[in-house]
Every structure is written in C-alpha cells, then in structure tokens.
C-alpha cells in the first residue's frame, strides 16, 4: 500500500523521490490507522484510503491537521485550532469517535470511475459501523479530490461561521482544503451506497501487522 501510494504521489508531483523510503510513502499515522484497499481486475492495488480514530482522552494526542502549513500561519492558525476543538467537543458530547481520514490515492486508470467515490464513502460506512464519527480530512484539489468529498457530504471546516480557507501546501505542492464530515449526515443521494459498504465491511478479512490470525471485520469492531 505504501509503495502504491508512493508511485501515485510521485507521478503526480506531490512528493520527490527523496521523500520516499525504498519507494514507500510512509507517515506516522499509518501504524495507527485502518487502511482500505481497492484491487483492479488484475488483482493489483489501485486505490487506498486511511482512517485513524483518535483517543480524545490521551495526553499524547497528535492530530495530522496541526502539521499543515495553515496551522503554522499566524493569521489562520489560531482559528484552525478553535475550529478543530469545536469538532472534538461535538464528538465528546455525542460520545462518538473523532477521526482523521487521509492517504487517499487512486490509480490513473480508475480516475473518473465510481471507485474514488466509493473510497470516500468508506469513512461514513466505517464511522457508522463503529457507533458514529466526527471526522476531518485534508483534501487536495488535485484530481478534484476535495470536490468529490464535498459532493458526498463533506463541508469546509469552519469556526463561528467563518470557513477555513483553501491553502497551499508546499510539502505536496498543491492547494488543499480542510474538510469535516459527520457519519450521520452524508449527502442523502449516497445513503444506499454507504449502507451497502457498511454491510460489506462486516464480511471483510482484516490483515494485521502482527502474527495473529486474520479476523473478521465484525469481530474486530
């Protein structure tokens, strides 16, 4: 998965060869997240997305959104922090998971198909399977990723009616949006897809990075 992500990001100009480790795009969140993969007709990995559920009670809470260039901006950094804290309070009040979604990559031959859309809907489906979720996502405007996520129900993160603006991320050399999503409030148009994906997740085999035998998604949740 990391090699696939590395190839896609490198071809897009989002990373340099020197940013990869043996061809792999590696981030700290990978070791603490769920990963969902799409395989094409040849059985090759052709899409992926990462879903990280945070422990809001942890003193070591590290959110990826605070590693963005916007978080370091004197003008918008404080507003971003307050907006994120507002979403965290919502999750705590409703006793829901607080998650970050990222690592979204799709092979060129599947762009323009339904697969990128289905990958985005996974966040809603898994959130529901685990009892509901409040989520954030840093989404690139490259290949219309941000617009796809807004189409299925994501919205611009905001604080007291002020939307967090699009920003340029020099690390990935592209414009980015910070979006929020609530698992109970998708675009109604995709409600049936979300429920179909949620049901299918309970029948998937999970691969763990340990010597334990694979388990079903239903028992893991």
C-alpha atoms as a PDB file:
ATOM      1  CA  UNK A   1       0.000   0.000   0.000  1.00  0.00           C
ATOM      2  CA  UNK A   2       2.797   2.433   0.867  1.00  0.00           C
ATOM      3  CA  UNK A   3       4.583   1.567  -2.387  1.00  0.00           C
ATOM      4  CA  UNK A   4       1.391   2.149  -4.361  1.00  0.00           C
ATOM      5  CA  UNK A   5       0.825   5.472  -2.615  1.00  0.00           C
ATOM      6  CA  UNK A   6       4.434   6.423  -3.275  1.00  0.00           C
ATOM      7  CA  UNK A   7       4.120   5.692  -7.003  1.00  0.00           C
ATOM      8  CA  UNK A   8       0.910   7.703  -7.340  1.00  0.00           C
ATOM      9  CA  UNK A   9       2.140  10.692  -5.344  1.00  0.00           C
ATOM     10  CA  UNK A  10       5.471  10.689  -7.190  1.00  0.00           C
ATOM     11  CA  UNK A  11       3.767  10.635 -10.598  1.00  0.00           C
ATOM     12  CA  UNK A  12       1.500  13.500  -9.506  1.00  0.00           C
ATOM     13  CA  UNK A  13       4.464  15.598  -8.404  1.00  0.00           C
ATOM     14  CA  UNK A  14       3.170  15.591  -4.820  1.00  0.00           C
ATOM     15  CA  UNK A  15       6.435  14.138  -3.477  1.00  0.00           C
ATOM     16  CA  UNK A  16      10.044  13.820  -4.583  1.00  0.00           C
ATOM     17  CA  UNK A  17      11.935  10.540  -4.836  1.00  0.00           C
ATOM     18  CA  UNK A  18      13.923  11.637  -1.788  1.00  0.00           C
ATOM     19  CA  UNK A  19      10.684  11.798   0.245  1.00  0.00           C
ATOM     20  CA  UNK A  20      10.139   8.059  -0.184  1.00  0.00           C
ATOM     21  CA  UNK A  21      11.690   5.182   1.765  1.00  0.00           C
ATOM     22  CA  UNK A  22      12.606   2.382  -0.652  1.00  0.00           C
ATOM     23  CA  UNK A  23       9.818   3.690  -2.862  1.00  0.00           C
ATOM     24  CA  UNK A  24       7.300   3.778   0.007  1.00  0.00           C
ATOM     25  CA  UNK A  25       5.351   6.840   1.147  1.00  0.00           C
ATOM     26  CA  UNK A  26       5.454   6.448   4.921  1.00  0.00           C
ATOM     27  CA  UNK A  27       3.747   8.608   7.553  1.00  0.00           C
ATOM     28  CA  UNK A  28       3.452   8.081  11.299  1.00  0.00           C
ATOM     29  CA  UNK A  29      -0.343   7.732  11.118  1.00  0.00           C
ATOM     30  CA  UNK A  30      -0.020   4.564   9.016  1.00  0.00           C
ATOM     31  CA  UNK A  31       0.826   2.448  12.057  1.00  0.00           C
ATOM     32  CA  UNK A  32      -2.253   3.623  13.971  1.00  0.00           C
ATOM     33  CA  UNK A  33      -4.936   3.501  11.285  1.00  0.00           C
ATOM     34  CA  UNK A  34      -7.317   1.330   9.352  1.00  0.00           C
ATOM     35  CA  UNK A  35      -6.425   1.090   5.658  1.00  0.00           C
ATOM     36  CA  UNK A  36      -8.834   0.183   2.873  1.00  0.00           C
ATOM     37  CA  UNK A  37      -7.533  -1.027  -0.472  1.00  0.00           C
ATOM     38  CA  UNK A  38      -9.111  -1.360  -3.903  1.00  0.00           C
ATOM     39  CA  UNK A  39      -7.861  -4.012  -6.326  1.00  0.00           C
ATOM     40  CA  UNK A  40      -8.374  -3.842 -10.064  1.00  0.00           C
ATOM     41  CA  UNK A  41      -9.278  -6.657 -12.452  1.00  0.00           C
ATOM     42  CA  UNK A  42      -5.670  -7.896 -12.383  1.00  0.00           C
ATOM     43  CA  UNK A  43      -5.616  -8.082  -8.591  1.00  0.00           C
ATOM     44  CA  UNK A  44      -3.236  -5.142  -8.255  1.00  0.00           C
ATOM     45  CA  UNK A  45      -3.741  -2.414  -5.643  1.00  0.00           C
ATOM     46  CA  UNK A  46      -5.331   0.521  -7.439  1.00  0.00           C
ATOM     47  CA  UNK A  47      -6.719   2.645  -4.611  1.00  0.00           C
ATOM     48  CA  UNK A  48      -6.298   3.257  -0.892  1.00  0.00           C
ATOM     49  CA  UNK A  49      -7.505   5.432   1.964  1.00  0.00           C
ATOM     50  CA  UNK A  50      -6.521   5.736   5.653  1.00  0.00           C
ATOM     51  CA  UNK A  51      -8.922   6.059   8.615  1.00  0.00           C
ATOM     52  CA  UNK A  52      -7.428   6.998  12.001  1.00  0.00           C
ATOM     53  CA  UNK A  53      -9.592   7.046  15.131  1.00  0.00           C
ATOM     54  CA  UNK A  54      -8.104   9.166  17.942  1.00  0.00           C
ATOM     55  CA  UNK A  55      -8.322   8.755  21.687  1.00  0.00           C
ATOM     56  CA  UNK A  56      -9.510  12.187  22.799  1.00  0.00           C
ATOM     57  CA  UNK A  57      -8.560  11.366  26.378  1.00  0.00           C
ATOM     58  CA  UNK A  58      -4.909  10.793  25.522  1.00  0.00           C
ATOM     59  CA  UNK A  59      -2.334  13.316  26.665  1.00  0.00           C
ATOM     60  CA  UNK A  60      -0.274  12.321  23.618  1.00  0.00           C
ATOM     61  CA  UNK A  61      -2.964  13.248  21.091  1.00  0.00           C
ATOM     62  CA  UNK A  62      -1.288  14.235  17.833  1.00  0.00           C
ATOM     63  CA  UNK A  63      -3.540  15.418  15.024  1.00  0.00           C
ATOM     64  CA  UNK A  64      -2.281  15.463  11.437  1.00  0.00           C
ATOM     65  CA  UNK A  65      -4.251  18.642  10.740  1.00  0.00           C
ATOM     66  CA  UNK A  66      -1.915  20.548  13.073  1.00  0.00           C
ATOM     67  CA  UNK A  67       1.058  19.565  10.897  1.00  0.00           C
ATOM     68  CA  UNK A  68      -0.297  21.525   7.937  1.00  0.00           C
ATOM     69  CA  UNK A  69       1.231  24.779   6.739  1.00  0.00           C
ATOM     70  CA  UNK A  70      -2.036  26.537   7.606  1.00  0.00           C
ATOM     71  CA  UNK A  71      -1.645  25.550  11.265  1.00  0.00           C
ATOM     72  CA  UNK A  72       1.636  27.477  11.318  1.00  0.00           C
ATOM     73  CA  UNK A  73       0.044  30.570   9.780  1.00  0.00           C
ATOM     74  CA  UNK A  74      -0.126  33.456  12.335  1.00  0.00           C
ATOM     75  CA  UNK A  75      -3.384  34.682  10.835  1.00  0.00           C
ATOM     76  CA  UNK A  76      -5.296  31.403  10.440  1.00  0.00           C
ATOM     77  CA  UNK A  77      -3.526  29.017  12.818  1.00  0.00           C
ATOM     78  CA  UNK A  78      -5.489  30.087  15.943  1.00  0.00           C
ATOM     79  CA  UNK A  79      -8.817  29.956  14.075  1.00  0.00           C
ATOM     80  CA  UNK A  80      -7.999  26.482  12.775  1.00  0.00           C
ATOM     81  CA  UNK A  81      -7.197  25.316  16.305  1.00  0.00           C
ATOM     82  CA  UNK A  82     -10.523  26.610  17.646  1.00  0.00           C
ATOM     83  CA  UNK A  83     -12.430  25.033  14.749  1.00  0.00           C
ATOM     84  CA  UNK A  84     -10.832  21.634  15.374  1.00  0.00           C
ATOM     85  CA  UNK A  85     -11.504  21.909  19.098  1.00  0.00           C
ATOM     86  CA  UNK A  86     -15.166  22.586  18.326  1.00  0.00           C
ATOM     87  CA  UNK A  87     -15.383  19.347  16.318  1.00  0.00           C
ATOM     88  CA  UNK A  88     -13.668  17.471  19.132  1.00  0.00           C
ATOM     89  CA  UNK A  89     -16.203  18.797  21.634  1.00  0.00           C
ATOM     90  CA  UNK A  90     -19.011  17.637  19.353  1.00  0.00           C
ATOM     91  CA  UNK A  91     -17.532  14.130  19.306  1.00  0.00           C
ATOM     92  CA  UNK A  92     -17.189  14.106  23.098  1.00  0.00           C
ATOM     93  CA  UNK A  93     -20.710  15.443  23.666  1.00  0.00           C
ATOM     94  CA  UNK A  94     -22.230  12.794  21.412  1.00  0.00           C
ATOM     95  CA  UNK A  95     -19.817  10.101  22.652  1.00  0.00           C
ATOM     96  CA  UNK A  96     -18.631   9.419  19.112  1.00  0.00           C
ATOM     97  CA  UNK A  97     -15.271   8.637  17.562  1.00  0.00           C
ATOM     98  CA  UNK A  98     -13.093  11.510  16.399  1.00  0.00           C
ATOM     99  CA  UNK A  99     -11.222  10.534  13.257  1.00  0.00           C
ATOM    100  CA  UNK A 100      -8.903  11.829  10.564  1.00  0.00           C
ATOM    101  CA  UNK A 101      -9.068  10.497   7.021  1.00  0.00           C
ATOM    102  CA  UNK A 102      -6.124  10.702   4.643  1.00  0.00           C
ATOM    103  CA  UNK A 103      -3.705   8.766   2.476  1.00  0.00           C
ATOM    104  CA  UNK A 104      -6.188   8.837  -0.392  1.00  0.00           C
ATOM    105  CA  UNK A 105      -4.677   7.638  -3.656  1.00  0.00           C
ATOM    106  CA  UNK A 106      -6.240   6.226  -6.827  1.00  0.00           C
ATOM    107  CA  UNK A 107      -4.509   4.757  -9.892  1.00  0.00           C
ATOM    108  CA  UNK A 108      -4.851   6.826 -13.031  1.00  0.00           C
ATOM    109  CA  UNK A 109      -6.888   4.182 -14.885  1.00  0.00           C
ATOM    110  CA  UNK A 110      -9.593   4.286 -12.190  1.00  0.00           C
ATOM    111  CA  UNK A 111      -9.946   8.059 -12.025  1.00  0.00           C
ATOM    112  CA  UNK A 112     -13.271   9.149 -13.410  1.00  0.00           C
ATOM    113  CA  UNK A 113     -14.894   5.881 -12.301  1.00  0.00           C
ATOM    114  CA  UNK A 114     -17.001   5.183  -9.205  1.00  0.00           C
ATOM    115  CA  UNK A 115     -14.036   3.835  -7.203  1.00  0.00           C
ATOM    116  CA  UNK A 116     -12.721   7.194  -5.861  1.00  0.00           C
ATOM    117  CA  UNK A 117     -16.259   7.974  -4.734  1.00  0.00           C
ATOM    118  CA  UNK A 118     -16.637   4.596  -3.020  1.00  0.00           C
ATOM    119  CA  UNK A 119     -13.338   5.082  -1.192  1.00  0.00           C
ATOM    120  CA  UNK A 120     -14.583   8.400   0.161  1.00  0.00           C
ATOM    121  CA  UNK A 121     -17.820   6.796   1.333  1.00  0.00           C
ATOM    122  CA  UNK A 122     -15.851   4.243   3.368  1.00  0.00           C
ATOM    123  CA  UNK A 123     -15.318   6.929   6.024  1.00  0.00           C
ATOM    124  CA  UNK A 124     -19.081   7.247   6.547  1.00  0.00           C
ATOM    125  CA  UNK A 125     -19.621   3.482   6.495  1.00  0.00           C
ATOM    126  CA  UNK A 126     -16.864   2.616   8.974  1.00  0.00           C
ATOM    127  CA  UNK A 127     -17.864   5.517  11.193  1.00  0.00           C
ATOM    128  CA  UNK A 128     -21.382   4.118  11.428  1.00  0.00           C
ATOM    129  CA  UNK A 129     -20.131   0.577  11.963  1.00  0.00           C
ATOM    130  CA  UNK A 130     -18.170   1.807  14.971  1.00  0.00           C
ATOM    131  CA  UNK A 131     -21.020   3.758  16.527  1.00  0.00           C
ATOM    132  CA  UNK A 132     -20.752   7.108  14.746  1.00  0.00           C
ATOM    133  CA  UNK A 133     -17.932   9.521  13.994  1.00  0.00           C
ATOM    134  CA  UNK A 134     -16.936  13.155  13.657  1.00  0.00           C
ATOM    135  CA  UNK A 135     -14.143  13.424  11.130  1.00  0.00           C
ATOM    136  CA  UNK A 136     -11.608  15.708   9.480  1.00  0.00           C
ATOM    137  CA  UNK A 137      -9.768  15.378   6.205  1.00  0.00           C
ATOM    138  CA  UNK A 138      -7.069  17.418   4.484  1.00  0.00           C
ATOM    139  CA  UNK A 139      -8.044  17.046   0.833  1.00  0.00           C
ATOM    140  CA  UNK A 140      -6.095  18.126  -2.221  1.00  0.00           C
ATOM    141  CA  UNK A 141      -7.752  19.981  -5.066  1.00  0.00           C
ATOM    142  CA  UNK A 142      -5.623  17.939  -7.439  1.00  0.00           C
ATOM    143  CA  UNK A 143      -7.765  15.469  -9.419  1.00  0.00           C
ATOM    144  CA  UNK A 144     -10.878  17.058  -7.818  1.00  0.00           C
ATOM    145  CA  UNK A 145     -10.375  15.112  -4.576  1.00  0.00           C
ATOM    146  CA  UNK A 146     -11.775  17.915  -2.435  1.00  0.00           C
ATOM    147  CA  UNK A 147     -14.822  18.406  -4.659  1.00  0.00           C
ATOM    148  CA  UNK A 148     -15.559  14.657  -4.604  1.00  0.00           C
ATOM    149  CA  UNK A 149     -15.533  14.621  -0.801  1.00  0.00           C
ATOM    150  CA  UNK A 150     -17.752  17.710  -0.656  1.00  0.00           C
ATOM    151  CA  UNK A 151     -20.097  16.084  -3.143  1.00  0.00           C
ATOM    152  CA  UNK A 152     -20.702  13.102  -0.829  1.00  0.00           C
ATOM    153  CA  UNK A 153     -21.321  15.252   2.244  1.00  0.00           C
ATOM    154  CA  UNK A 154     -18.079  16.778   3.456  1.00  0.00           C
ATOM    155  CA  UNK A 155     -18.023  20.503   4.143  1.00  0.00           C
ATOM    156  CA  UNK A 156     -15.417  23.164   4.784  1.00  0.00           C
ATOM    157  CA  UNK A 157     -14.241  23.243   8.380  1.00  0.00           C
ATOM    158  CA  UNK A 158     -15.386  26.471   9.999  1.00  0.00           C
ATOM    159  CA  UNK A 159     -15.400  28.375  13.272  1.00  0.00           C
ATOM    160  CA  UNK A 160     -18.302  30.624  14.272  1.00  0.00           C
ATOM    161  CA  UNK A 161     -19.455  30.899  10.673  1.00  0.00           C
ATOM    162  CA  UNK A 162     -16.001  31.585   9.220  1.00  0.00           C
ATOM    163  CA  UNK A 163     -14.793  28.883   6.830  1.00  0.00           C
ATOM    164  CA  UNK A 164     -11.168  27.793   6.997  1.00  0.00           C
ATOM    165  CA  UNK A 165      -9.710  28.873   3.626  1.00  0.00           C
ATOM    166  CA  UNK A 166      -8.001  26.837   0.943  1.00  0.00           C
ATOM    167  CA  UNK A 167      -4.242  26.892   1.482  1.00  0.00           C
ATOM    168  CA  UNK A 168      -1.112  25.938  -0.431  1.00  0.00           C
ATOM    169  CA  UNK A 169       0.838  23.004   0.986  1.00  0.00           C
ATOM    170  CA  UNK A 170       4.493  23.222  -0.094  1.00  0.00           C
ATOM    171  CA  UNK A 171       5.104  19.669   1.104  1.00  0.00           C
ATOM    172  CA  UNK A 172       2.738  18.246  -1.539  1.00  0.00           C
ATOM    173  CA  UNK A 173       2.970  21.194  -3.966  1.00  0.00           C
ATOM    174  CA  UNK A 174      -0.775  21.683  -4.264  1.00  0.00           C
ATOM    175  CA  UNK A 175      -3.775  23.551  -2.902  1.00  0.00           C
ATOM    176  CA  UNK A 176      -5.561  21.857  -0.017  1.00  0.00           C
ATOM    177  CA  UNK A 177      -8.875  22.142   1.813  1.00  0.00           C
ATOM    178  CA  UNK A 178      -9.611  21.059   5.370  1.00  0.00           C
ATOM    179  CA  UNK A 179     -12.984  19.355   5.376  1.00  0.00           C
ATOM    180  CA  UNK A 180     -15.181  17.922   8.091  1.00  0.00           C
ATOM    181  CA  UNK A 181     -17.716  15.116   7.916  1.00  0.00           C
ATOM    182  CA  UNK A 182     -20.302  13.659  10.255  1.00  0.00           C
ATOM    183  CA  UNK A 183     -21.167   9.991   9.728  1.00  0.00           C
ATOM    184  CA  UNK A 184     -24.880  10.635  10.300  1.00  0.00           C
ATOM    185  CA  UNK A 185     -25.149  13.452   7.771  1.00  0.00           C
ATOM    186  CA  UNK A 186     -23.933  12.454   4.286  1.00  0.00           C
ATOM    187  CA  UNK A 187     -25.427  13.592   1.020  1.00  0.00           C
ATOM    188  CA  UNK A 188     -28.735  11.633   1.020  1.00  0.00           C
ATOM    189  CA  UNK A 189     -28.051  10.663  -2.583  1.00  0.00           C
ATOM    190  CA  UNK A 190     -25.366   8.226  -1.374  1.00  0.00           C
ATOM    191  CA  UNK A 191     -27.198   6.783   1.618  1.00  0.00           C
ATOM    192  CA  UNK A 192     -27.798   3.407  -0.051  1.00  0.00           C
ATOM    193  CA  UNK A 193     -24.146   3.097  -1.096  1.00  0.00           C
ATOM    194  CA  UNK A 194     -22.983   3.893   2.436  1.00  0.00           C
ATOM    195  CA  UNK A 195     -25.195   1.193   3.939  1.00  0.00           C
ATOM    196  CA  UNK A 196     -24.104  -1.342   1.330  1.00  0.00           C
ATOM    197  CA  UNK A 197     -20.449  -0.623   2.092  1.00  0.00           C
ATOM    198  CA  UNK A 198     -21.120  -0.774   5.855  1.00  0.00           C
ATOM    199  CA  UNK A 199     -22.675  -4.222   5.477  1.00  0.00           C
ATOM    200  CA  UNK A 200     -19.806  -5.443   3.305  1.00  0.00           C
ATOM    201  CA  UNK A 201     -17.216  -4.250   5.851  1.00  0.00           C
ATOM    202  CA  UNK A 202     -18.551  -6.782   8.335  1.00  0.00           C
ATOM    203  CA  UNK A 203     -17.622  -9.607   5.957  1.00  0.00           C
ATOM    204  CA  UNK A 204     -14.098  -8.495   5.054  1.00  0.00           C
ATOM    205  CA  UNK A 205     -10.904 -10.141   6.250  1.00  0.00           C
ATOM    206  CA  UNK A 206      -8.590  -7.860   8.215  1.00  0.00           C
ATOM    207  CA  UNK A 207      -4.821  -8.100   7.853  1.00  0.00           C
ATOM    208  CA  UNK A 208      -2.924  -7.145  10.990  1.00  0.00           C
ATOM    209  CA  UNK A 209       0.738  -6.215  11.272  1.00  0.00           C
ATOM    210  CA  UNK A 210       1.338  -8.984  13.814  1.00  0.00           C
ATOM    211  CA  UNK A 211       1.489 -12.767  13.990  1.00  0.00           C
ATOM    212  CA  UNK A 212      -2.152 -13.040  14.935  1.00  0.00           C
ATOM    213  CA  UNK A 213      -4.516 -14.823  12.588  1.00  0.00           C
ATOM    214  CA  UNK A 214      -6.799 -12.628  10.429  1.00  0.00           C
ATOM    215  CA  UNK A 215     -10.185 -11.857  11.952  1.00  0.00           C
ATOM    216  CA  UNK A 216     -13.492 -10.714  10.538  1.00  0.00           C
ATOM    217  CA  UNK A 217     -14.405  -7.033  10.493  1.00  0.00           C
ATOM    218  CA  UNK A 218     -17.476  -7.785  12.592  1.00  0.00           C
ATOM    219  CA  UNK A 219     -15.479  -9.287  15.436  1.00  0.00           C
ATOM    220  CA  UNK A 220     -12.777  -6.617  15.202  1.00  0.00           C
ATOM    221  CA  UNK A 221     -15.279  -3.816  15.624  1.00  0.00           C
END
